[in-house]
Amino acid sequence: MFYRQGYQLVQKIPSGQVATYGQIAALLGNPRAARAVGWALHRLPDSEVDAVPWHRVINAQGRISTACREHPAGEQRRRLEAEGIGFDVTDRIPLGEYRWEPPPEIWREHL
């Protein structure tokens, strides 16, 4: 149930924006479940990899933190850059510029 809700929420992140694992966890009503969000995206079924924009979820420091073969960091960066998301000289995404701010109806939907 948590995974499915997470996938549905990640699908709402617009192209060209990112969310953090903690942000997704908080929207799901479990602000301490950032790692669980990471595991959910890691376990994303092959049939949903193109439907769920897993690459738009990054860590709280604005970095890519994936280390798995199924969703490699290089692929995540390539996808983000293809959407116009930039990285600074320390390989971080400036969250002030690219962080998704969900509209109030999404917050209400998940509270």
C-alpha atoms as a PDB file:
ATOM      1  CA  MET A   1       0.000   0.000   0.000  1.00  0.00           C
ATOM      2  CA  PHE A   2       2.793   2.463   0.961  1.00  0.00           C
ATOM      3  CA  TYR A   3       4.719   1.639  -2.218  1.00  0.00           C
ATOM      4  CA  ARG A   4       1.649   2.051  -4.443  1.00  0.00           C
ATOM      5  CA  GLN A   5       0.783   5.403  -2.825  1.00  0.00           C
ATOM      6  CA  GLY A   6       4.382   6.514  -3.225  1.00  0.00           C
ATOM      7  CA  TYR A   7       4.395   5.612  -6.907  1.00  0.00           C
ATOM      8  CA  GLN A   8       1.152   7.539  -7.451  1.00  0.00           C
ATOM      9  CA  LEU A   9       2.574  10.578  -5.702  1.00  0.00           C
ATOM     10  CA  VAL A  10       5.885  10.499  -7.592  1.00  0.00           C
ATOM     11  CA  GLN A  11       3.882  10.453 -10.838  1.00  0.00           C
ATOM     12  CA  LYS A  12       2.609  13.930  -9.903  1.00  0.00           C
ATOM     13  CA  ILE A  13       6.078  15.516  -9.854  1.00  0.00           C
ATOM     14  CA  PRO A  14       6.246  17.637 -13.009  1.00  0.00           C
ATOM     15  CA  SER A  15       9.029  17.324 -15.540  1.00  0.00           C
ATOM     16  CA  GLY A  16      11.850  19.722 -14.711  1.00  0.00           C
ATOM     17  CA  GLN A  17      11.281  19.508 -10.957  1.00  0.00           C
ATOM     18  CA  VAL A  18      12.475  17.228  -8.170  1.00  0.00           C
ATOM     19  CA  ALA A  19      11.309  16.131  -4.746  1.00  0.00           C
ATOM     20  CA  THR A  20      13.299  14.668  -1.886  1.00  0.00           C
ATOM     21  CA  TYR A  21      12.731  11.265  -0.361  1.00  0.00           C
ATOM     22  CA  GLY A  22      11.733  12.989   2.884  1.00  0.00           C
ATOM     23  CA  GLN A  23       9.313  15.275   1.097  1.00  0.00           C
ATOM     24  CA  ILE A  24       7.537  12.287  -0.460  1.00  0.00           C
ATOM     25  CA  ALA A  25       7.473  10.497   2.915  1.00  0.00           C
ATOM     26  CA  ALA A  26       5.950  13.573   4.583  1.00  0.00           C
ATOM     27  CA  LEU A  27       3.296  13.862   1.879  1.00  0.00           C
ATOM     28  CA  LEU A  28       2.437  10.218   2.520  1.00  0.00           C
ATOM     29  CA  GLY A  29       1.887  11.053   6.188  1.00  0.00           C
ATOM     30  CA  ASN A  30       5.059   9.346   7.421  1.00  0.00           C
ATOM     31  CA  PRO A  31       7.811  12.001   7.577  1.00  0.00           C
ATOM     32  CA  ARG A  32      10.368   9.592   9.032  1.00  0.00           C
ATOM     33  CA  ALA A  33      10.025   7.128   6.150  1.00  0.00           C
ATOM     34  CA  ALA A  34      12.455   8.697   3.663  1.00  0.00           C
ATOM     35  CA  ARG A  35      14.429   5.451   3.420  1.00  0.00           C
ATOM     36  CA  ALA A  36      11.234   3.506   2.799  1.00  0.00           C
ATOM     37  CA  VAL A  37      10.518   5.815  -0.138  1.00  0.00           C
ATOM     38  CA  GLY A  38      13.982   5.019  -1.477  1.00  0.00           C
ATOM     39  CA  TRP A  39      13.348   1.296  -1.130  1.00  0.00           C
ATOM     40  CA  ALA A  40       9.962   1.637  -2.812  1.00  0.00           C
ATOM     41  CA  LEU A  41      11.561   3.313  -5.824  1.00  0.00           C
ATOM     42  CA  HIS A  42      14.367   0.753  -5.823  1.00  0.00           C
ATOM     43  CA  ARG A  43      11.757  -2.018  -5.988  1.00  0.00           C
ATOM     44  CA  LEU A  44       9.804  -0.327  -8.755  1.00  0.00           C
ATOM     45  CA  PRO A  45       8.536  -3.098 -11.052  1.00  0.00           C
ATOM     46  CA  ASP A  46      10.128  -3.135 -14.508  1.00  0.00           C
ATOM     47  CA  SER A  47       6.689  -2.639 -16.004  1.00  0.00           C
ATOM     48  CA  GLU A  48       6.405   0.757 -14.236  1.00  0.00           C
ATOM     49  CA  VAL A  49       9.907   2.186 -14.684  1.00  0.00           C
ATOM     50  CA  ASP A  50       8.781   4.403 -17.553  1.00  0.00           C
ATOM     51  CA  ALA A  51       5.446   5.345 -15.932  1.00  0.00           C
ATOM     52  CA  VAL A  52       6.853   6.415 -12.546  1.00  0.00           C
ATOM     53  CA  PRO A  53       9.487   9.166 -12.820  1.00  0.00           C
ATOM     54  CA  TRP A  54      11.750   7.681 -10.126  1.00  0.00           C
ATOM     55  CA  HIS A  55      14.600   9.878 -11.321  1.00  0.00           C
ATOM     56  CA  ARG A  56      12.862  13.009  -9.988  1.00  0.00           C
ATOM     57  CA  VAL A  57      13.378  11.936  -6.371  1.00  0.00           C
ATOM     58  CA  ILE A  58      16.705  12.856  -4.796  1.00  0.00           C
ATOM     59  CA  ASN A  59      18.184  13.193  -1.326  1.00  0.00           C
ATOM     60  CA  ALA A  60      17.779  16.199   0.982  1.00  0.00           C
ATOM     61  CA  GLN A  61      21.200  17.561   0.019  1.00  0.00           C
ATOM     62  CA  GLY A  62      20.131  17.822  -3.625  1.00  0.00           C
ATOM     63  CA  ARG A  63      22.228  14.830  -4.637  1.00  0.00           C
ATOM     64  CA  ILE A  64      21.579  11.644  -6.508  1.00  0.00           C
ATOM     65  CA  SER A  65      21.982   8.823  -4.027  1.00  0.00           C
ATOM     66  CA  THR A  66      21.010   5.712  -5.946  1.00  0.00           C
ATOM     67  CA  ALA A  67      23.612   2.987  -6.186  1.00  0.00           C
ATOM     68  CA  CYS A  68      21.677   0.141  -7.756  1.00  0.00           C
ATOM     69  CA  ARG A  69      22.135  -1.444 -11.157  1.00  0.00           C
ATOM     70  CA  GLU A  70      18.474  -1.131 -12.108  1.00  0.00           C
ATOM     71  CA  HIS A  71      18.444   2.646 -11.571  1.00  0.00           C
ATOM     72  CA  PRO A  72      22.057   3.799 -11.919  1.00  0.00           C
ATOM     73  CA  ALA A  73      23.146   7.296 -10.878  1.00  0.00           C
ATOM     74  CA  GLY A  74      24.353   8.101 -14.394  1.00  0.00           C
ATOM     75  CA  GLU A  75      20.956   7.232 -15.847  1.00  0.00           C
ATOM     76  CA  GLN A  76      19.200   9.329 -13.210  1.00  0.00           C
ATOM     77  CA  ARG A  77      21.427  12.315 -13.966  1.00  0.00           C
ATOM     78  CA  ARG A  78      20.925  11.877 -17.723  1.00  0.00           C
ATOM     79  CA  ARG A  79      17.145  11.862 -17.295  1.00  0.00           C
ATOM     80  CA  LEU A  80      17.204  14.924 -15.036  1.00  0.00           C
ATOM     81  CA  GLU A  81      19.444  16.888 -17.377  1.00  0.00           C
ATOM     82  CA  ALA A  82      17.188  15.931 -20.317  1.00  0.00           C
ATOM     83  CA  GLU A  83      14.361  17.652 -18.411  1.00  0.00           C
ATOM     84  CA  GLY A  84      16.441  20.813 -18.030  1.00  0.00           C
ATOM     85  CA  ILE A  85      17.498  20.251 -14.427  1.00  0.00           C
ATOM     86  CA  GLY A  86      20.951  21.633 -13.741  1.00  0.00           C
ATOM     87  CA  PHE A  87      23.671  20.585 -11.346  1.00  0.00           C
ATOM     88  CA  ASP A  88      26.130  22.870  -9.602  1.00  0.00           C
ATOM     89  CA  VAL A  89      29.908  22.363  -9.446  1.00  0.00           C
ATOM     90  CA  THR A  90      29.503  19.987  -6.479  1.00  0.00           C
ATOM     91  CA  ASP A  91      27.051  17.772  -8.438  1.00  0.00           C
ATOM     92  CA  ARG A  92      24.074  19.003  -6.444  1.00  0.00           C
ATOM     93  CA  ILE A  93      20.741  20.121  -7.775  1.00  0.00           C
ATOM     94  CA  PRO A  94      19.873  23.576  -6.410  1.00  0.00           C
ATOM     95  CA  LEU A  95      16.705  22.705  -4.510  1.00  0.00           C
ATOM     96  CA  GLY A  96      15.688  26.354  -4.279  1.00  0.00           C
ATOM     97  CA  GLU A  97      15.371  26.376  -8.038  1.00  0.00           C
ATOM     98  CA  TYR A  98      14.083  22.882  -8.862  1.00  0.00           C
ATOM     99  CA  ARG A  99      12.214  21.587  -5.787  1.00  0.00           C
ATOM    100  CA  TRP A 100       8.605  20.686  -6.472  1.00  0.00           C
ATOM    101  CA  GLU A 101       6.118  22.586  -4.340  1.00  0.00           C
ATOM    102  CA  PRO A 102       2.959  20.498  -4.467  1.00  0.00           C
ATOM    103  CA  PRO A 103      -0.300  22.399  -4.633  1.00  0.00           C
ATOM    104  CA  PRO A 104      -2.513  22.408  -1.512  1.00  0.00           C
ATOM    105  CA  GLU A 105      -4.895  19.814  -2.959  1.00  0.00           C
ATOM    106  CA  ILE A 106      -2.086  17.250  -3.042  1.00  0.00           C
ATOM    107  CA  TRP A 107      -1.280  17.931   0.624  1.00  0.00           C
ATOM    108  CA  ARG A 108      -4.957  17.535   1.540  1.00  0.00           C
ATOM    109  CA  GLU A 109      -5.213  14.360  -0.531  1.00  0.00           C
ATOM    110  CA  HIS A 110      -2.401  12.723   1.418  1.00  0.00           C
ATOM    111  CA  LEU A 111      -3.149  13.926   4.972  1.00  0.00           C
END
